[in-house]
Amino acid sequence: MRSSSIVGNPEAGRCVSSKTIRIRLGYESVDVTLAYLEGKDAESERSAGTCEQQQPGAVRRKNSYTIVNTTGPIRDPATGACIGGTTAGSNSIDTKTHLGLLRVGSDGSSSVIGVKDWEADFSNSYSSTTTDCVTYTGTAQAAASGPLPNLTVATPITNSNTGILLSWQADLQCAYCSYANLQSPPPRTVFGLANTSNNSPSATTVNIPGQASPIVPLLQAQDGSFFGTVGTGPQPGQITQTNMIAFDGSGHTKWSVPNDTPKIATADGGVIGASGAQYDSNGT
């Protein structure tokens, strides 16, 4: 089942769009909801105070901030005449992104499985003094840390009858470096894989030479390993070739062949590709 929805704080504008994928796990089912928060939506969240999104199994992003302002006697309250003074303040923003799953039983029970978390912080402070209520002199300081991801999540696959295999791509960049007038470190991409069993995810980083997209798991072999596809190219997101791969639940590649897609798993641990070619357990 696939569905799409928009959730969030209507007063702060659109916060997030989401897509839910439901798969069967024996007598149970899993809802995986993918949610994406755009930059302009993050801005509207900051102006609204706190905006938290969570759908079943959602990628959830929460922004929270604090603002403190202290103002000295700038004008005489009786006459309005300028008497000078100091104004100071500080603010901070903490943003967290969570990738997770919601496991739902046929009896209506449910449990949340946390897969991966990211966090970014921004803070600044300022102080200024005036004698004429027109010209202000002072100082300001700002700091930022932590990357936030733009996530691409592949459709998950069941892992026997124990859970699911989830694959994703996280394009990471400094969330608030521009606000702090800091030079952003180069963006980087991380590919991940998570295996869930009894509500306990085991997440790992995948490193395939030339990988340009997340692994897309399609079939499971007799020995518990998987068959799927992965895009390769000069850089993440720039796919020039799609390979069929055999890999285990930890993301270790057993073998790979170019320009084919797994179609049917065979009893001997091999697979028949969409091209009609048959491969044994060693990929030959």
Protein backbone atom coordinates (compact mmCIF):
# COMPACT_ATOMS: atom_id res chain seq x y z
CA MET A 1 0.00 0.00 0.00
CA ARG A 2 1.33 3.47 -0.84
CA SER A 3 -0.11 6.75 0.33
CA SER A 4 1.03 10.36 0.37
CA SER A 5 0.16 13.11 2.80
CA ILE A 6 1.21 16.52 4.06
CA VAL A 7 1.61 16.90 7.80
CA GLY A 8 2.84 19.59 10.16
CA ASN A 9 1.81 22.90 11.67
CA PRO A 10 -0.69 24.62 9.33
CA GLU A 11 0.06 28.01 10.89
CA ALA A 12 3.74 27.61 10.02
CA GLY A 13 3.10 26.57 6.44
CA ARG A 14 3.81 23.15 4.97
CA CYS A 15 6.27 21.34 7.22
CA VAL A 16 6.77 18.00 5.59
CA SER A 17 5.56 15.69 2.85
CA SER A 18 5.45 11.98 3.45
CA LYS A 19 4.95 8.69 1.66
CA THR A 20 3.99 5.48 3.44
CA ILE A 21 4.93 1.99 2.26
CA ARG A 22 3.33 -0.99 3.98
CA ILE A 23 4.84 -4.47 3.75
CA ARG A 24 3.83 -7.77 5.29
CA LEU A 25 5.87 -9.60 7.93
CA GLY A 26 4.14 -12.95 8.32
CA TYR A 27 1.14 -12.09 10.48
CA GLU A 28 2.33 -8.55 11.00
CA SER A 29 2.90 -5.52 8.81
CA VAL A 30 5.32 -2.64 8.79
CA ASP A 31 4.57 0.92 7.77
CA VAL A 32 7.58 2.86 6.56
CA THR A 33 6.94 6.56 6.10
CA LEU A 34 9.45 8.73 4.30
CA ALA A 35 9.32 12.45 5.07
CA TYR A 36 11.25 15.33 3.61
CA LEU A 37 11.62 18.79 5.10
CA GLU A 38 12.62 21.54 2.68
CA GLY A 39 14.83 24.49 3.55
CA LYS A 40 12.01 27.02 3.34
CA ASP A 41 9.93 24.84 5.63
CA ALA A 42 12.73 24.75 8.16
CA GLU A 43 12.70 28.57 8.06
CA SER A 44 8.97 28.64 8.75
CA GLU A 45 9.53 26.27 11.66
CA ARG A 46 12.02 28.63 13.24
CA SER A 47 9.56 31.48 13.02
CA ALA A 48 6.87 29.34 14.60
CA GLY A 49 8.86 28.15 17.59
CA THR A 50 8.57 24.37 17.47
CA CYS A 51 7.20 22.18 14.72
CA GLU A 52 7.49 18.42 15.05
CA GLN A 53 6.45 15.89 12.43
CA GLN A 54 5.93 12.23 13.05
CA GLN A 55 4.10 9.76 10.92
CA PRO A 56 4.28 5.97 11.39
CA GLY A 57 7.92 5.10 10.92
CA ALA A 58 8.71 8.66 9.92
CA VAL A 59 11.83 10.54 9.17
CA ARG A 60 11.09 13.10 11.87
CA ARG A 61 12.63 16.54 12.15
CA LYS A 62 12.18 18.75 15.19
CA ASN A 63 13.33 22.35 15.51
CA SER A 64 13.37 24.06 18.89
CA TYR A 65 14.79 27.43 19.77
CA THR A 66 15.23 29.82 22.64
CA ILE A 67 15.53 33.60 22.46
CA VAL A 68 16.68 35.82 25.32
CA ASN A 69 16.63 39.64 25.06
CA THR A 70 17.72 42.08 27.74
CA THR A 71 17.38 45.79 27.13
CA GLY A 72 18.77 48.61 29.27
CA PRO A 73 17.15 52.04 29.73
CA ILE A 74 17.31 53.43 26.18
CA ARG A 75 14.59 56.13 26.53
CA ASP A 76 13.03 57.87 29.45
CA PRO A 77 9.61 56.22 29.93
CA ALA A 78 8.05 59.53 30.94
CA THR A 79 9.41 61.86 28.25
CA GLY A 80 10.62 59.46 25.58
CA ALA A 81 13.94 61.28 25.48
CA CYS A 82 17.01 59.24 24.65
CA ILE A 83 19.13 58.46 27.69
CA GLY A 84 21.24 55.75 26.03
CA GLY A 85 21.87 52.23 27.16
CA THR A 86 22.67 48.72 26.11
CA THR A 87 20.64 46.06 24.34
CA ALA A 88 21.75 42.45 24.31
CA GLY A 89 20.38 39.10 23.42
CA SER A 90 21.06 35.55 22.38
CA ASN A 91 19.29 32.75 20.59
CA SER A 92 19.91 29.10 19.84
CA ILE A 93 18.41 26.51 17.54
CA ASP A 94 18.61 22.75 17.98
CA THR A 95 17.45 20.57 15.08
CA LYS A 96 17.15 16.81 15.22
CA THR A 97 16.32 14.40 12.41
CA HIS A 98 15.30 10.83 13.18
CA LEU A 99 15.01 7.93 10.75
CA GLY A 100 12.79 5.22 12.17
CA LEU A 101 10.21 2.53 11.59
CA LEU A 102 6.85 1.78 13.11
CA ARG A 103 6.03 -1.90 13.50
CA VAL A 104 2.29 -2.58 13.63
CA GLY A 105 0.76 -5.90 14.66
CA SER A 106 -2.50 -7.34 13.40
CA ASP A 107 -3.86 -6.96 16.95
CA GLY A 108 -3.33 -3.20 16.79
CA SER A 109 -0.16 -3.15 18.88
CA SER A 110 2.77 -1.07 17.67
CA SER A 111 6.35 -0.21 18.50
CA VAL A 112 8.78 2.39 17.20
CA ILE A 113 12.19 1.24 15.98
CA GLY A 114 14.82 3.97 15.91
CA VAL A 115 17.32 3.52 13.07
CA LYS A 116 19.50 6.62 12.79
CA ASP A 117 19.68 10.12 14.32
CA TRP A 118 21.29 13.39 13.25
CA GLU A 119 21.54 16.67 15.18
CA ALA A 120 22.64 20.22 14.35
CA ASP A 121 22.99 23.30 16.55
CA PHE A 122 23.20 27.04 16.00
CA SER A 123 23.72 29.79 18.56
CA ASN A 124 24.54 33.48 18.52
CA SER A 125 24.75 36.38 20.94
CA TYR A 126 25.02 40.13 20.56
CA SER A 127 25.47 43.27 22.61
CA SER A 128 25.23 46.90 21.44
CA THR A 129 25.36 50.32 23.08
CA THR A 130 23.87 53.64 22.01
CA THR A 131 24.01 57.20 23.29
CA ASP A 132 21.68 58.81 20.76
CA CYS A 133 19.23 55.94 20.08
CA VAL A 134 20.23 56.15 16.39
CA THR A 135 23.73 54.76 16.20
CA TYR A 136 24.56 51.47 17.91
CA THR A 137 27.99 49.92 18.38
CA GLY A 138 28.63 46.44 19.67
CA THR A 139 29.70 42.89 19.00
CA ALA A 140 28.11 39.64 17.86
CA GLN A 141 29.22 36.03 17.97
CA ALA A 142 27.79 32.96 16.26
CA ALA A 143 28.56 29.25 16.15
CA ALA A 144 27.19 26.26 14.25
CA SER A 145 27.83 22.53 14.35
CA GLY A 146 26.46 19.28 13.01
CA PRO A 147 25.24 18.15 9.58
CA LEU A 148 21.66 17.34 8.65
CA PRO A 149 20.72 14.88 5.90
CA ASN A 150 18.71 15.02 2.74
CA LEU A 151 17.47 11.43 2.74
CA THR A 152 16.73 9.00 -0.07
CA VAL A 153 15.24 5.76 1.26
CA ALA A 154 14.79 2.64 -0.87
CA THR A 155 11.69 0.45 -0.57
CA PRO A 156 12.45 -2.08 2.21
CA ILE A 157 12.30 -5.86 1.91
CA THR A 158 11.30 -8.48 4.47
CA ASN A 159 14.13 -10.36 6.15
CA SER A 160 12.76 -13.91 6.46
CA ASN A 161 10.18 -13.60 9.26
CA THR A 162 12.33 -11.60 11.67
CA GLY A 163 12.07 -8.02 10.42
CA ILE A 164 13.04 -5.96 7.41
CA LEU A 165 16.09 -4.71 5.55
CA LEU A 166 16.12 -0.92 5.07
CA SER A 167 18.54 0.96 2.80
CA TRP A 168 19.10 4.72 2.55
CA GLN A 169 21.31 7.51 1.25
CA ALA A 170 22.07 10.53 3.44
CA ASP A 171 23.46 13.64 1.73
CA LEU A 172 24.99 15.57 4.63
CA GLN A 173 25.81 19.26 4.83
CA CYS A 174 26.32 21.80 7.60
CA ALA A 175 22.84 22.97 8.53
CA TYR A 176 23.59 26.44 9.93
CA CYS A 177 27.07 27.37 8.71
CA SER A 178 25.70 30.15 6.50
CA TYR A 179 23.77 31.63 9.44
CA ALA A 180 26.99 31.78 11.46
CA ASN A 181 28.96 33.19 8.50
CA LEU A 182 31.14 30.09 8.60
CA GLN A 183 32.63 28.30 5.63
CA SER A 184 30.68 25.10 5.13
CA PRO A 185 32.69 21.90 4.96
CA PRO A 186 32.26 20.02 1.67
CA PRO A 187 28.98 18.06 1.50
CA ARG A 188 29.39 14.33 1.89
CA THR A 189 27.20 11.33 1.21
CA VAL A 190 26.77 8.27 3.41
CA PHE A 191 25.01 5.08 2.35
CA GLY A 192 23.41 3.01 5.09
CA LEU A 193 21.75 -0.33 5.67
CA ALA A 194 19.69 -1.45 8.68
CA ASN A 195 18.53 -4.92 9.62
CA THR A 196 15.71 -5.12 12.17
CA SER A 197 14.94 -8.08 14.38
CA ASN A 198 12.72 -8.05 17.48
CA ASN A 199 12.62 -4.22 17.43
CA SER A 200 16.44 -4.05 17.59
CA PRO A 201 17.94 -2.44 14.47
CA SER A 202 21.50 -3.11 13.41
CA ALA A 203 22.63 -0.19 11.23
CA THR A 204 25.84 -0.07 9.25
CA THR A 205 27.55 2.07 6.62
CA VAL A 206 27.85 0.63 3.11
CA ASN A 207 30.93 1.32 0.99
CA ILE A 208 30.68 0.09 -2.60
CA PRO A 209 33.27 1.48 -5.04
CA GLY A 210 31.65 4.12 -7.26
CA GLN A 211 28.32 3.91 -5.42
CA ALA A 212 25.94 6.64 -6.57
CA SER A 213 22.61 5.51 -5.07
CA PRO A 214 21.33 3.45 -2.15
CA ILE A 215 21.13 -0.32 -2.54
CA VAL A 216 17.66 -1.41 -3.64
CA PRO A 217 17.02 -4.88 -2.12
CA LEU A 218 14.68 -6.99 -4.27
CA LEU A 219 15.01 -10.69 -3.39
CA GLN A 220 16.27 -12.85 -0.52
CA ALA A 221 18.35 -15.96 -1.19
CA GLN A 222 18.07 -19.36 0.52
CA ASP A 223 21.05 -18.62 2.77
CA GLY A 224 19.54 -15.36 4.04
CA SER A 225 21.60 -13.04 1.84
CA PHE A 226 19.98 -10.62 -0.61
CA PHE A 227 19.89 -9.72 -4.27
CA GLY A 228 19.33 -6.17 -5.41
CA THR A 229 20.58 -3.33 -7.56
CA VAL A 230 22.85 -0.36 -6.97
CA GLY A 231 23.63 2.63 -9.16
CA THR A 232 27.25 3.56 -9.81
CA GLY A 233 28.73 6.70 -11.28
CA PRO A 234 31.26 9.50 -10.85
CA GLN A 235 29.50 10.90 -7.76
CA PRO A 236 26.42 10.27 -5.60
CA GLY A 237 23.21 11.03 -7.46
CA GLN A 238 24.90 10.80 -10.87
CA ILE A 239 24.15 7.24 -12.01
CA THR A 240 25.78 6.00 -15.20
CA GLN A 241 25.32 2.25 -14.67
CA THR A 242 23.06 -0.02 -12.62
CA ASN A 243 24.59 -3.24 -11.28
CA MET A 244 22.94 -6.34 -9.89
CA ILE A 245 24.57 -7.32 -6.61
CA ALA A 246 24.41 -10.11 -4.06
CA PHE A 247 25.06 -8.93 -0.50
CA ASP A 248 24.53 -9.91 3.12
CA GLY A 249 22.57 -8.11 5.82
CA SER A 250 25.67 -6.16 6.85
CA GLY A 251 26.11 -4.69 3.37
CA HIS A 252 29.10 -6.81 2.34
CA THR A 253 29.02 -7.44 -1.40
CA LYS A 254 29.35 -11.09 -2.44
CA TRP A 255 29.38 -10.44 -6.17
CA SER A 256 28.24 -7.91 -8.75
CA VAL A 257 27.36 -7.97 -12.45
CA PRO A 258 26.64 -4.92 -14.63
CA ASN A 259 23.39 -3.98 -16.34
CA ASP A 260 21.05 -6.63 -14.95
CA THR A 261 18.27 -6.87 -12.34
CA PRO A 262 17.38 -9.85 -10.12
CA LYS A 263 14.13 -11.49 -11.11
CA ILE A 264 13.84 -14.98 -9.56
CA ALA A 265 15.87 -16.52 -6.73
CA THR A 266 16.82 -20.16 -7.37
CA ALA A 267 17.03 -23.07 -4.91
CA ASP A 268 20.82 -23.36 -5.24
CA GLY A 269 21.41 -19.85 -3.89
CA GLY A 270 21.60 -18.23 -7.30
CA VAL A 271 19.33 -15.92 -9.22
CA ILE A 272 17.83 -15.41 -12.66
CA GLY A 273 18.23 -11.90 -13.97
CA ALA A 274 15.72 -9.83 -15.94
CA SER A 275 17.99 -10.38 -18.93
CA GLY A 276 17.24 -14.13 -18.75
CA ALA A 277 20.78 -14.97 -17.65
CA GLN A 278 21.11 -17.42 -14.74
CA TYR A 279 23.75 -16.87 -12.07
CA ASP A 280 24.95 -19.33 -9.45
CA SER A 281 25.78 -18.45 -5.84
CA ASN A 282 29.12 -17.01 -6.98
CA GLY A 283 27.59 -14.78 -9.66
CA THR A 284 28.86 -16.85 -12.60
